[in-house]
Amino acid sequence: MLVLSRKPGERVVIGGEISVTVLEVRGSRVRLGFSGPPEIPIVRQEVEGRRKDESALAVCADSC
């Protein structure tokens, strides 16, 4: 894992295509902005977990 310190307005670029910008730091909360190609989904971890759970249920419903 790479750990960086960034100030508001500074960016990190991942793979040359995805950009993460620090938008705001307020106390212990950090607001981040993400941009990248439309074919690469950018979702929160809890949303990704729900998507995987729903996909597994759909597969099981078809074959269980």
PDB file of N, CA and C in Angstrom:
ATOM      1  N   MET A   1       0.839  -1.172   0.000  1.00  0.00           N
ATOM      2  CA  MET A   1       0.000   0.000   0.000  1.00  0.00           C
ATOM      3  C   MET A   1       0.891   1.245   0.000  1.00  0.00           C
ATOM      4  N   LEU A   2       0.571   2.154  -0.862  1.00  0.00           N
ATOM      5  CA  LEU A   2       1.258   3.439  -0.920  1.00  0.00           C
ATOM      6  C   LEU A   2       0.504   4.417  -0.034  1.00  0.00           C
ATOM      7  N   VAL A   3       1.183   5.099   0.863  1.00  0.00           N
ATOM      8  CA  VAL A   3       0.563   6.088   1.743  1.00  0.00           C
ATOM      9  C   VAL A   3       1.161   7.448   1.411  1.00  0.00           C
ATOM     10  N   LEU A   4       0.286   8.415   1.126  1.00  0.00           N
ATOM     11  CA  LEU A   4       0.725   9.752   0.741  1.00  0.00           C
ATOM     12  C   LEU A   4       0.047  10.805   1.597  1.00  0.00           C
ATOM     13  N   SER A   5       0.678  11.931   1.717  1.00  0.00           N
ATOM     14  CA  SER A   5       0.056  13.121   2.300  1.00  0.00           C
ATOM     15  C   SER A   5      -0.228  14.072   1.142  1.00  0.00           C
ATOM     16  N   ARG A   6      -1.420  14.592   1.085  1.00  0.00           N
ATOM     17  CA  ARG A   6      -1.811  15.525   0.034  1.00  0.00           C
ATOM     18  C   ARG A   6      -2.579  16.669   0.670  1.00  0.00           C
ATOM     19  N   LYS A   7      -2.499  17.829   0.071  1.00  0.00           N
ATOM     20  CA  LYS A   7      -3.249  19.000   0.501  1.00  0.00           C
ATOM     21  C   LYS A   7      -4.446  19.184  -0.428  1.00  0.00           C
ATOM     22  N   PRO A   8      -5.478  19.914   0.030  1.00  0.00           N
ATOM     23  CA  PRO A   8      -6.614  20.170  -0.864  1.00  0.00           C
ATOM     24  C   PRO A   8      -6.155  20.740  -2.201  1.00  0.00           C
ATOM     25  N   GLY A   9      -6.719  20.216  -3.258  1.00  0.00           N
ATOM     26  CA  GLY A   9      -6.373  20.634  -4.615  1.00  0.00           C
ATOM     27  C   GLY A   9      -5.288  19.782  -5.255  1.00  0.00           C
ATOM     28  N   GLU A  10      -4.558  19.015  -4.459  1.00  0.00           N
ATOM     29  CA  GLU A  10      -3.515  18.157  -5.023  1.00  0.00           C
ATOM     30  C   GLU A  10      -4.117  16.844  -5.510  1.00  0.00           C
ATOM     31  N   ARG A  11      -3.452  16.236  -6.476  1.00  0.00           N
ATOM     32  CA  ARG A  11      -3.964  15.018  -7.119  1.00  0.00           C
ATOM     33  C   ARG A  11      -2.974  13.884  -7.041  1.00  0.00           C
ATOM     34  N   VAL A  12      -3.533  12.688  -7.216  1.00  0.00           N
ATOM     35  CA  VAL A  12      -2.757  11.468  -7.403  1.00  0.00           C
ATOM     36  C   VAL A  12      -3.310  10.824  -8.671  1.00  0.00           C
ATOM     37  N   VAL A  13      -2.437  10.365  -9.549  1.00  0.00           N
ATOM     38  CA  VAL A  13      -2.862   9.721 -10.792  1.00  0.00           C
ATOM     39  C   VAL A  13      -2.522   8.236 -10.700  1.00  0.00           C
ATOM     40  N   ILE A  14      -3.496   7.398 -11.047  1.00  0.00           N
ATOM     41  CA  ILE A  14      -3.343   5.942 -10.988  1.00  0.00           C
ATOM     42  C   ILE A  14      -3.403   5.399 -12.410  1.00  0.00           C
ATOM     43  N   GLY A  15      -2.373   4.714 -12.818  1.00  0.00           N
ATOM     44  CA  GLY A  15      -2.357   4.070 -14.124  1.00  0.00           C
ATOM     45  C   GLY A  15      -2.475   5.031 -15.289  1.00  0.00           C
ATOM     46  N   GLY A  16      -2.218   6.296 -15.070  1.00  0.00           N
ATOM     47  CA  GLY A  16      -2.282   7.267 -16.154  1.00  0.00           C
ATOM     48  C   GLY A  16      -3.687   7.628 -16.579  1.00  0.00           C
ATOM     49  N   GLU A  17      -4.712   6.944 -16.025  1.00  0.00           N
ATOM     50  CA  GLU A  17      -6.088   7.173 -16.468  1.00  0.00           C
ATOM     51  C   GLU A  17      -7.037   7.616 -15.363  1.00  0.00           C
ATOM     52  N   ILE A  18      -6.723   7.278 -14.127  1.00  0.00           N
ATOM     53  CA  ILE A  18      -7.614   7.603 -13.021  1.00  0.00           C
ATOM     54  C   ILE A  18      -6.944   8.674 -12.166  1.00  0.00           C
ATOM     55  N   SER A  19      -7.691   9.729 -11.864  1.00  0.00           N
ATOM     56  CA  SER A  19      -7.180  10.831 -11.078  1.00  0.00           C
ATOM     57  C   SER A  19      -7.995  10.945  -9.793  1.00  0.00           C
ATOM     58  N   VAL A  20      -7.298  11.076  -8.665  1.00  0.00           N
ATOM     59  CA  VAL A  20      -7.932  11.271  -7.365  1.00  0.00           C
ATOM     60  C   VAL A  20      -7.501  12.643  -6.865  1.00  0.00           C
ATOM     61  N   THR A  21      -8.471  13.514  -6.606  1.00  0.00           N
ATOM     62  CA  THR A  21      -8.183  14.873  -6.157  1.00  0.00           C
ATOM     63  C   THR A  21      -8.699  15.065  -4.743  1.00  0.00           C
ATOM     64  N   VAL A  22      -7.867  15.623  -3.867  1.00  0.00           N
ATOM     65  CA  VAL A  22      -8.314  15.980  -2.519  1.00  0.00           C
ATOM     66  C   VAL A  22      -9.108  17.275  -2.657  1.00  0.00           C
ATOM     67  N   LEU A  23     -10.410  17.211  -2.355  1.00  0.00           N
ATOM     68  CA  LEU A  23     -11.264  18.375  -2.496  1.00  0.00           C
ATOM     69  C   LEU A  23     -11.321  19.204  -1.225  1.00  0.00           C
ATOM     70  N   GLU A  24     -11.383  18.511  -0.071  1.00  0.00           N
ATOM     71  CA  GLU A  24     -11.550  19.233   1.187  1.00  0.00           C
ATOM     72  C   GLU A  24     -11.113  18.354   2.341  1.00  0.00           C
ATOM     73  N   VAL A  25     -10.515  18.964   3.338  1.00  0.00           N
ATOM     74  CA  VAL A  25     -10.178  18.283   4.579  1.00  0.00           C
ATOM     75  C   VAL A  25     -10.840  19.077   5.697  1.00  0.00           C
ATOM     76  N   ARG A  26     -11.723  18.404   6.446  1.00  0.00           N
ATOM     77  CA  ARG A  26     -12.432  19.067   7.536  1.00  0.00           C
ATOM     78  C   ARG A  26     -12.403  18.150   8.748  1.00  0.00           C
ATOM     79  N   GLY A  27     -11.555  18.443   9.711  1.00  0.00           N
ATOM     80  CA  GLY A  27     -11.417  17.575  10.881  1.00  0.00           C
ATOM     81  C   GLY A  27     -10.888  16.216  10.459  1.00  0.00           C
ATOM     82  N   SER A  28     -11.635  15.162  10.794  1.00  0.00           N
ATOM     83  CA  SER A  28     -11.213  13.803  10.429  1.00  0.00           C
ATOM     84  C   SER A  28     -11.844  13.328   9.127  1.00  0.00           C
ATOM     85  N   ARG A  29     -12.539  14.215   8.415  1.00  0.00           N
ATOM     86  CA  ARG A  29     -13.194  13.843   7.154  1.00  0.00           C
ATOM     87  C   ARG A  29     -12.435  14.424   5.967  1.00  0.00           C
ATOM     88  N   VAL A  30     -12.323  13.624   4.928  1.00  0.00           N
ATOM     89  CA  VAL A  30     -11.647  14.041   3.703  1.00  0.00           C
ATOM     90  C   VAL A  30     -12.605  13.824   2.547  1.00  0.00           C
ATOM     91  N   ARG A  31     -12.781  14.824   1.714  1.00  0.00           N
ATOM     92  CA  ARG A  31     -13.593  14.678   0.505  1.00  0.00           C
ATOM     93  C   ARG A  31     -12.657  14.484  -0.663  1.00  0.00           C
ATOM     94  N   LEU A  32     -12.907  13.422  -1.425  1.00  0.00           N
ATOM     95  CA  LEU A  32     -12.083  13.082  -2.579  1.00  0.00           C
ATOM     96  C   LEU A  32     -12.932  13.145  -3.838  1.00  0.00           C
ATOM     97  N   GLY A  33     -12.325  13.531  -4.934  1.00  0.00           N
ATOM     98  CA  GLY A  33     -12.967  13.494  -6.241  1.00  0.00           C
ATOM     99  C   GLY A  33     -12.216  12.517  -7.128  1.00  0.00           C
ATOM    100  N   PHE A  34     -12.958  11.687  -7.853  1.00  0.00           N
ATOM    101  CA  PHE A  34     -12.361  10.678  -8.730  1.00  0.00           C
ATOM    102  C   PHE A  34     -12.800  10.934 -10.150  1.00  0.00           C
ATOM    103  N   SER A  35     -11.867  10.815 -11.081  1.00  0.00           N
ATOM    104  CA  SER A  35     -12.230  10.896 -12.495  1.00  0.00           C
ATOM    105  C   SER A  35     -11.432   9.851 -13.253  1.00  0.00           C
ATOM    106  N   GLY A  36     -12.078   9.316 -14.270  1.00  0.00           N
ATOM    107  CA  GLY A  36     -11.436   8.298 -15.083  1.00  0.00           C
ATOM    108  C   GLY A  36     -12.289   7.970 -16.281  1.00  0.00           C
ATOM    109  N   PRO A  37     -11.840   7.045 -17.092  1.00  0.00           N
ATOM    110  CA  PRO A  37     -12.603   6.663 -18.280  1.00  0.00           C
ATOM    111  C   PRO A  37     -13.951   6.065 -17.884  1.00  0.00           C
ATOM    112  N   PRO A  38     -14.974   6.295 -18.681  1.00  0.00           N
ATOM    113  CA  PRO A  38     -16.312   5.805 -18.341  1.00  0.00           C
ATOM    114  C   PRO A  38     -16.411   4.278 -18.271  1.00  0.00           C
ATOM    115  N   GLU A  39     -15.505   3.570 -18.931  1.00  0.00           N
ATOM    116  CA  GLU A  39     -15.586   2.102 -18.918  1.00  0.00           C
ATOM    117  C   GLU A  39     -15.027   1.493 -17.629  1.00  0.00           C
ATOM    118  N   ILE A  40     -14.416   2.317 -16.779  1.00  0.00           N
ATOM    119  CA  ILE A  40     -13.906   1.829 -15.498  1.00  0.00           C
ATOM    120  C   ILE A  40     -14.838   2.334 -14.399  1.00  0.00           C
ATOM    121  N   PRO A  41     -15.612   1.430 -13.781  1.00  0.00           N
ATOM    122  CA  PRO A  41     -16.524   1.886 -12.725  1.00  0.00           C
ATOM    123  C   PRO A  41     -15.753   2.315 -11.480  1.00  0.00           C
ATOM    124  N   ILE A  42     -16.189   3.402 -10.874  1.00  0.00           N
ATOM    125  CA  ILE A  42     -15.609   3.883  -9.623  1.00  0.00           C
ATOM    126  C   ILE A  42     -16.748   3.934  -8.617  1.00  0.00           C
ATOM    127  N   VAL A  43     -16.726   3.021  -7.648  1.00  0.00           N
ATOM    128  CA  VAL A  43     -17.805   2.926  -6.665  1.00  0.00           C
ATOM    129  C   VAL A  43     -17.224   2.805  -5.260  1.00  0.00           C
ATOM    130  N   ARG A  44     -18.026   3.159  -4.261  1.00  0.00           N
ATOM    131  CA  ARG A  44     -17.620   2.978  -2.866  1.00  0.00           C
ATOM    132  C   ARG A  44     -17.571   1.486  -2.551  1.00  0.00           C
ATOM    133  N   GLN A  45     -16.743   1.113  -1.592  1.00  0.00           N
ATOM    134  CA  GLN A  45     -16.563  -0.300  -1.234  1.00  0.00           C
ATOM    135  C   GLN A  45     -17.877  -0.957  -0.837  1.00  0.00           C
ATOM    136  N   GLU A  46     -18.700  -0.273  -0.051  1.00  0.00           N
ATOM    137  CA  GLU A  46     -19.959  -0.881   0.389  1.00  0.00           C
ATOM    138  C   GLU A  46     -20.928  -1.089  -0.772  1.00  0.00           C
ATOM    139  N   VAL A  47     -20.867  -0.235  -1.773  1.00  0.00           N
ATOM    140  CA  VAL A  47     -21.705  -0.410  -2.964  1.00  0.00           C
ATOM    141  C   VAL A  47     -21.206  -1.613  -3.765  1.00  0.00           C
ATOM    142  N   GLU A  48     -19.906  -1.750  -3.904  1.00  0.00           N
ATOM    143  CA  GLU A  48     -19.331  -2.891  -4.629  1.00  0.00           C
ATOM    144  C   GLU A  48     -19.711  -4.199  -3.945  1.00  0.00           C
ATOM    145  N   GLY A  49     -19.662  -4.220  -2.613  1.00  0.00           N
ATOM    146  CA  GLY A  49     -20.053  -5.419  -1.865  1.00  0.00           C
ATOM    147  C   GLY A  49     -21.498  -5.797  -2.123  1.00  0.00           C
ATOM    148  N   ARG A  50     -22.395  -4.813  -2.156  1.00  0.00           N
ATOM    149  CA  ARG A  50     -23.815  -5.087  -2.438  1.00  0.00           C
ATOM    150  C   ARG A  50     -23.989  -5.600  -3.858  1.00  0.00           C
ATOM    151  N   ARG A  51     -23.243  -5.013  -4.807  1.00  0.00           N
ATOM    152  CA  ARG A  51     -23.350  -5.465  -6.204  1.00  0.00           C
ATOM    153  C   ARG A  51     -22.930  -6.922  -6.333  1.00  0.00           C
ATOM    154  N   LYS A  52     -21.848  -7.300  -5.642  1.00  0.00           N
ATOM    155  CA  LYS A  52     -21.386  -8.688  -5.686  1.00  0.00           C
ATOM    156  C   LYS A  52     -22.403  -9.618  -5.044  1.00  0.00           C
ATOM    157  N   ASP A  53     -22.976  -9.202  -3.905  1.00  0.00           N
ATOM    158  CA  ASP A  53     -23.989 -10.015  -3.237  1.00  0.00           C
ATOM    159  C   ASP A  53     -25.217 -10.214  -4.131  1.00  0.00           C
ATOM    160  N   GLU A  54     -25.664  -9.142  -4.781  1.00  0.00           N
ATOM    161  CA  GLU A  54     -26.824  -9.227  -5.663  1.00  0.00           C
ATOM    162  C   GLU A  54     -26.543 -10.119  -6.866  1.00  0.00           C
ATOM    163  N   SER A  55     -25.321 -10.030  -7.405  1.00  0.00           N
ATOM    164  CA  SER A  55     -24.953 -10.896  -8.533  1.00  0.00           C
ATOM    165  C   SER A  55     -24.941 -12.353  -8.127  1.00  0.00           C
ATOM    166  N   ALA A  56     -24.413 -12.651  -6.931  1.00  0.00           N
ATOM    167  CA  ALA A  56     -24.379 -14.029  -6.440  1.00  0.00           C
ATOM    168  C   ALA A  56     -25.786 -14.553  -6.240  1.00  0.00           C
ATOM    169  N   LEU A  57     -26.695 -13.721  -5.708  1.00  0.00           N
ATOM    170  CA  LEU A  57     -28.078 -14.151  -5.519  1.00  0.00           C
ATOM    171  C   LEU A  57     -28.751 -14.415  -6.861  1.00  0.00           C
ATOM    172  N   ALA A  58     -28.479 -13.583  -7.842  1.00  0.00           N
ATOM    173  CA  ALA A  58     -29.088 -13.769  -9.157  1.00  0.00           C
ATOM    174  C   ALA A  58     -28.595 -15.059  -9.793  1.00  0.00           C
ATOM    175  N   VAL A  59     -27.327 -15.361  -9.669  1.00  0.00           N
ATOM    176  CA  VAL A  59     -26.772 -16.588 -10.221  1.00  0.00           C
ATOM    177  C   VAL A  59     -27.382 -17.793  -9.504  1.00  0.00           C
ATOM    178  N   CYS A  60     -27.477 -17.701  -8.193  1.00  0.00           N
ATOM    179  CA  CYS A  60     -28.033 -18.803  -7.410  1.00  0.00           C
ATOM    180  C   CYS A  60     -29.515 -19.002  -7.752  1.00  0.00           C
ATOM    181  N   ALA A  61     -30.255 -17.929  -7.957  1.00  0.00           N
ATOM    182  CA  ALA A  61     -31.661 -18.040  -8.296  1.00  0.00           C
ATOM    183  C   ALA A  61     -31.861 -18.755  -9.630  1.00  0.00           C
ATOM    184  N   ASP A  62     -30.928 -18.558 -10.547  1.00  0.00           N
ATOM    185  CA  ASP A  62     -31.027 -19.192 -11.862  1.00  0.00           C
ATOM    186  C   ASP A  62     -30.610 -20.670 -11.835  1.00  0.00           C
ATOM    187  N   SER A  63     -29.682 -21.027 -10.931  1.00  0.00           N
ATOM    188  CA  SER A  63     -29.135 -22.376 -10.992  1.00  0.00           C
ATOM    189  C   SER A  63     -29.338 -23.192  -9.713  1.00  0.00           C
ATOM    190  N   CYS A  64     -29.864 -22.607  -8.647  1.00  0.00           N
ATOM    191  CA  CYS A  64     -30.018 -23.349  -7.393  1.00  0.00           C
ATOM    192  C   CYS A  64     -31.337 -24.071  -7.324  1.00  0.00           C
TER     193      CYS A  64
END
